[in-house]
Structures are given as C-alpha cells and as structure tokens.
N, C-alpha and C. Protein backbone atom coordinates (compact mmCIF):
# COMPACT_ATOMS: atom_id res chain seq x y z
N MET A 1 -75.01 43.67 29.33
CA MET A 1 -75.71 44.63 28.53
C MET A 1 -77.16 44.68 29.00
N ALA A 2 -77.71 45.83 29.11
CA ALA A 2 -79.09 45.98 29.56
C ALA A 2 -79.92 46.61 28.46
N VAL A 3 -81.18 46.25 28.42
CA VAL A 3 -82.13 46.82 27.48
C VAL A 3 -82.98 47.80 28.26
N GLN A 4 -83.17 48.99 27.70
CA GLN A 4 -83.98 49.99 28.38
C GLN A 4 -85.36 50.02 27.76
N THR A 5 -86.36 50.05 28.60
CA THR A 5 -87.75 50.17 28.17
C THR A 5 -88.28 51.48 28.72
N VAL A 6 -88.92 52.24 27.86
CA VAL A 6 -89.48 53.52 28.29
C VAL A 6 -90.98 53.35 28.44
N ALA A 7 -91.49 53.71 29.60
CA ALA A 7 -92.91 53.63 29.87
C ALA A 7 -93.35 54.93 30.51
N SER A 8 -94.59 55.26 30.38
CA SER A 8 -95.10 56.49 30.97
C SER A 8 -95.95 56.16 32.18
N SER A 9 -95.74 56.89 33.26
CA SER A 9 -96.51 56.65 34.48
C SER A 9 -97.74 57.54 34.55
N GLY A 10 -98.01 58.26 33.48
CA GLY A 10 -99.19 59.12 33.47
C GLY A 10 -98.89 60.54 33.88
N SER A 11 -97.71 60.79 34.46
CA SER A 11 -97.37 62.14 34.90
C SER A 11 -96.74 62.96 33.80
N GLY A 12 -96.61 62.37 32.61
CA GLY A 12 -96.02 63.10 31.50
C GLY A 12 -94.54 62.81 31.32
N ALA A 13 -93.84 62.49 32.41
CA ALA A 13 -92.42 62.18 32.33
C ALA A 13 -92.26 60.66 32.14
N PRO A 14 -91.44 60.24 31.18
CA PRO A 14 -91.27 58.79 30.98
C PRO A 14 -90.44 58.15 32.09
N ASP A 15 -90.77 56.93 32.43
CA ASP A 15 -89.99 56.15 33.37
C ASP A 15 -89.09 55.22 32.56
N VAL A 16 -87.84 55.08 32.95
CA VAL A 16 -86.92 54.18 32.26
C VAL A 16 -86.70 52.97 33.15
N ILE A 17 -86.96 51.80 32.58
CA ILE A 17 -86.80 50.56 33.31
C ILE A 17 -85.68 49.77 32.64
N GLU A 18 -84.66 49.41 33.39
CA GLU A 18 -83.57 48.62 32.83
C GLU A 18 -83.78 47.17 33.20
N ARG A 19 -83.62 46.30 32.21
CA ARG A 19 -83.72 44.86 32.44
C ARG A 19 -82.58 44.19 31.68
N PRO A 20 -82.13 43.03 32.13
CA PRO A 20 -81.01 42.37 31.46
C PRO A 20 -81.40 41.93 30.05
N ASP A 21 -80.44 41.99 29.15
CA ASP A 21 -80.65 41.53 27.78
C ASP A 21 -80.47 40.02 27.76
N THR A 22 -81.56 39.29 27.55
CA THR A 22 -81.51 37.83 27.60
C THR A 22 -81.62 37.20 26.21
N ARG A 23 -81.52 38.02 25.17
CA ARG A 23 -81.59 37.47 23.81
C ARG A 23 -80.38 36.61 23.54
N GLU A 24 -80.61 35.49 22.83
CA GLU A 24 -79.50 34.62 22.45
C GLU A 24 -78.82 35.17 21.21
N THR A 25 -77.53 35.06 21.17
CA THR A 25 -76.77 35.51 20.01
C THR A 25 -76.02 34.34 19.41
N GLU A 26 -75.39 34.57 18.28
CA GLU A 26 -74.65 33.54 17.57
C GLU A 26 -73.60 32.88 18.45
N GLY A 27 -72.96 33.62 19.34
CA GLY A 27 -71.88 33.08 20.16
C GLY A 27 -72.31 32.43 21.45
N ASP A 28 -73.61 32.31 21.70
CA ASP A 28 -74.06 31.73 22.97
C ASP A 28 -73.64 30.27 23.14
N HIS A 29 -73.46 29.54 22.03
CA HIS A 29 -73.01 28.15 22.15
C HIS A 29 -71.60 28.08 22.74
N ASP A 30 -70.85 29.15 22.64
CA ASP A 30 -69.48 29.16 23.16
C ASP A 30 -69.45 29.22 24.68
N ARG A 31 -70.56 29.45 25.30
CA ARG A 31 -70.61 29.54 26.76
C ARG A 31 -70.89 28.19 27.42
N PHE A 32 -70.97 27.14 26.63
CA PHE A 32 -71.27 25.81 27.14
C PHE A 32 -70.20 24.82 26.72
N SER A 33 -70.10 23.73 27.48
CA SER A 33 -69.32 22.59 27.02
C SER A 33 -70.32 21.65 26.35
N HIS A 34 -69.86 20.94 25.33
CA HIS A 34 -70.75 20.12 24.53
C HIS A 34 -70.33 18.66 24.59
N TYR A 35 -71.28 17.76 24.34
CA TYR A 35 -70.98 16.34 24.25
C TYR A 35 -70.51 16.02 22.84
N VAL A 36 -69.32 15.40 22.76
CA VAL A 36 -68.70 15.05 21.48
C VAL A 36 -68.17 13.63 21.60
N ASN A 37 -68.16 12.90 20.48
CA ASN A 37 -67.59 11.57 20.43
C ASN A 37 -66.13 11.64 20.89
N LYS A 38 -65.76 10.76 21.81
CA LYS A 38 -64.43 10.80 22.42
C LYS A 38 -63.32 10.60 21.38
N THR A 39 -63.54 9.70 20.43
CA THR A 39 -62.55 9.47 19.38
C THR A 39 -62.37 10.72 18.52
N ALA A 40 -63.47 11.37 18.18
CA ALA A 40 -63.40 12.59 17.38
C ALA A 40 -62.68 13.69 18.14
N LEU A 41 -62.89 13.77 19.45
CA LEU A 41 -62.23 14.79 20.26
C LEU A 41 -60.72 14.55 20.30
N THR A 42 -60.31 13.30 20.44
CA THR A 42 -58.88 12.96 20.44
C THR A 42 -58.26 13.28 19.09
N ARG A 43 -58.97 12.91 18.01
CA ARG A 43 -58.47 13.18 16.66
C ARG A 43 -58.33 14.70 16.45
N SER A 44 -59.28 15.47 16.96
CA SER A 44 -59.23 16.92 16.83
C SER A 44 -58.03 17.51 17.58
N ALA A 45 -57.74 16.94 18.75
CA ALA A 45 -56.61 17.44 19.54
C ALA A 45 -55.28 17.22 18.80
N VAL A 46 -55.20 16.14 18.02
CA VAL A 46 -53.98 15.82 17.29
C VAL A 46 -53.90 16.58 15.97
N SER A 47 -55.01 16.57 15.22
CA SER A 47 -54.99 17.13 13.87
C SER A 47 -55.50 18.56 13.75
N GLY A 48 -56.28 19.01 14.74
CA GLY A 48 -56.84 20.36 14.67
C GLY A 48 -58.11 20.46 13.86
N GLU A 49 -58.68 19.31 13.47
CA GLU A 49 -59.91 19.35 12.68
C GLU A 49 -61.12 19.59 13.59
N ALA A 50 -62.19 20.08 12.98
CA ALA A 50 -63.40 20.42 13.74
C ALA A 50 -64.14 19.16 14.18
N VAL A 51 -64.90 19.29 15.25
CA VAL A 51 -65.76 18.22 15.76
C VAL A 51 -67.20 18.70 15.70
N VAL A 52 -68.14 17.75 15.78
CA VAL A 52 -69.56 18.09 15.78
C VAL A 52 -70.18 17.56 17.07
N ALA A 53 -70.80 18.45 17.83
CA ALA A 53 -71.44 18.07 19.09
C ALA A 53 -72.80 17.43 18.82
N LEU A 54 -73.38 16.81 19.83
CA LEU A 54 -74.71 16.21 19.70
C LEU A 54 -75.76 17.23 19.25
N CYS A 55 -75.60 18.48 19.69
CA CYS A 55 -76.58 19.52 19.36
C CYS A 55 -76.38 20.08 17.95
N GLY A 56 -75.28 19.67 17.28
CA GLY A 56 -75.03 20.14 15.92
C GLY A 56 -73.97 21.22 15.80
N LYS A 57 -73.49 21.75 16.92
CA LYS A 57 -72.45 22.78 16.87
C LYS A 57 -71.17 22.16 16.32
N LYS A 58 -70.54 22.85 15.37
CA LYS A 58 -69.30 22.40 14.77
C LYS A 58 -68.22 23.43 15.07
N TRP A 59 -67.10 22.99 15.65
CA TRP A 59 -66.02 23.89 16.02
C TRP A 59 -64.75 23.09 16.30
N VAL A 60 -63.65 23.83 16.43
CA VAL A 60 -62.38 23.22 16.83
C VAL A 60 -62.20 23.52 18.31
N PRO A 61 -62.24 22.50 19.18
CA PRO A 61 -62.12 22.74 20.62
C PRO A 61 -60.75 23.31 20.98
N THR A 62 -60.77 24.39 21.75
CA THR A 62 -59.51 25.00 22.19
C THR A 62 -59.53 25.32 23.68
N ARG A 63 -60.70 25.20 24.32
CA ARG A 63 -60.82 25.55 25.74
C ARG A 63 -61.10 24.31 26.58
N ASP A 64 -60.86 24.44 27.86
CA ASP A 64 -61.15 23.36 28.81
C ASP A 64 -62.66 23.32 29.06
N GLY A 65 -63.32 22.26 28.61
CA GLY A 65 -64.77 22.13 28.76
C GLY A 65 -65.24 22.01 30.19
N GLU A 66 -64.34 21.67 31.10
CA GLU A 66 -64.71 21.52 32.51
C GLU A 66 -65.08 22.86 33.15
N ARG A 67 -64.70 23.96 32.53
CA ARG A 67 -64.94 25.29 33.10
C ARG A 67 -66.33 25.84 32.78
N PHE A 68 -67.08 25.16 31.92
CA PHE A 68 -68.36 25.68 31.46
C PHE A 68 -69.49 24.71 31.77
N PRO A 69 -70.72 25.21 31.90
CA PRO A 69 -71.85 24.32 32.11
C PRO A 69 -72.13 23.53 30.83
N VAL A 70 -72.78 22.38 30.96
CA VAL A 70 -73.09 21.53 29.81
C VAL A 70 -74.23 22.15 29.00
N CYS A 71 -74.09 22.10 27.69
CA CYS A 71 -75.11 22.60 26.76
C CYS A 71 -76.43 21.89 27.04
N PRO A 72 -77.52 22.63 27.27
CA PRO A 72 -78.81 22.00 27.57
C PRO A 72 -79.29 21.08 26.44
N ALA A 73 -79.07 21.46 25.19
CA ALA A 73 -79.50 20.64 24.06
C ALA A 73 -78.72 19.33 24.02
N CYS A 74 -77.40 19.40 24.21
CA CYS A 74 -76.58 18.18 24.24
C CYS A 74 -77.01 17.27 25.38
N LYS A 75 -77.27 17.86 26.54
CA LYS A 75 -77.66 17.10 27.72
C LYS A 75 -78.97 16.36 27.48
N GLU A 76 -79.93 17.03 26.85
CA GLU A 76 -81.24 16.44 26.57
C GLU A 76 -81.10 15.30 25.55
N ILE A 77 -80.32 15.50 24.51
CA ILE A 77 -80.12 14.47 23.49
C ILE A 77 -79.42 13.27 24.11
N TYR A 78 -78.39 13.51 24.91
CA TYR A 78 -77.65 12.43 25.55
C TYR A 78 -78.55 11.61 26.47
N ALA A 79 -79.41 12.30 27.23
CA ALA A 79 -80.33 11.61 28.13
C ALA A 79 -81.30 10.72 27.33
N GLY A 80 -81.72 11.19 26.18
CA GLY A 80 -82.61 10.41 25.32
C GLY A 80 -81.92 9.18 24.75
N LEU A 81 -80.62 9.28 24.49
CA LEU A 81 -79.85 8.13 23.97
C LEU A 81 -79.66 7.07 25.03
N ARG A 82 -79.53 7.47 26.27
CA ARG A 82 -79.25 6.54 27.36
C ARG A 82 -80.49 5.81 27.84
N SER A 83 -81.66 6.34 27.59
CA SER A 83 -82.88 5.69 28.11
C SER A 83 -83.51 4.75 27.12
C-alpha cells in the first residue's frame, strides 16, 4: 500500500509523490516470530491454549516461526536477560 502526498512545484499543477506506507498496524506482530517459554509452547501445541511472548504478545501459535524474522522487541529483551 502506498501513501500519496500532494505537493505543488509552483507551476500551479500539483505533483503527486508516492511513498510506501510504513505505519505499524495491529497485525504487525504477526509478521515476526517471538520468543516464548519452551514449556508453554509445548503445552500450547497439545492443548491449544494461548502463549505470551517476551514482548507481551499473546496468541495461539499456528505457524512455523522459522519462516519469519525474530521480533525486535523479543530479541532486545532476550539479549538483556542473557547479559
């Protein structure tokens, strides 16, 4: 999705500039894999109950996390725990 910005170049006719829409939406967390307690993840796989990631996202995992980049917030929190 692109956002259009209208600007005038002084000639009277507006110029339209398209730029990518980089606003975050409610579903942006779904584009990442998250760090979750391994026991909770196993329990979720068996029972279908929701898990809570380090960043606070709560959901029922249904996708292969290996296909997505790691959530930056989870990565930062995890790095802080390890040091």
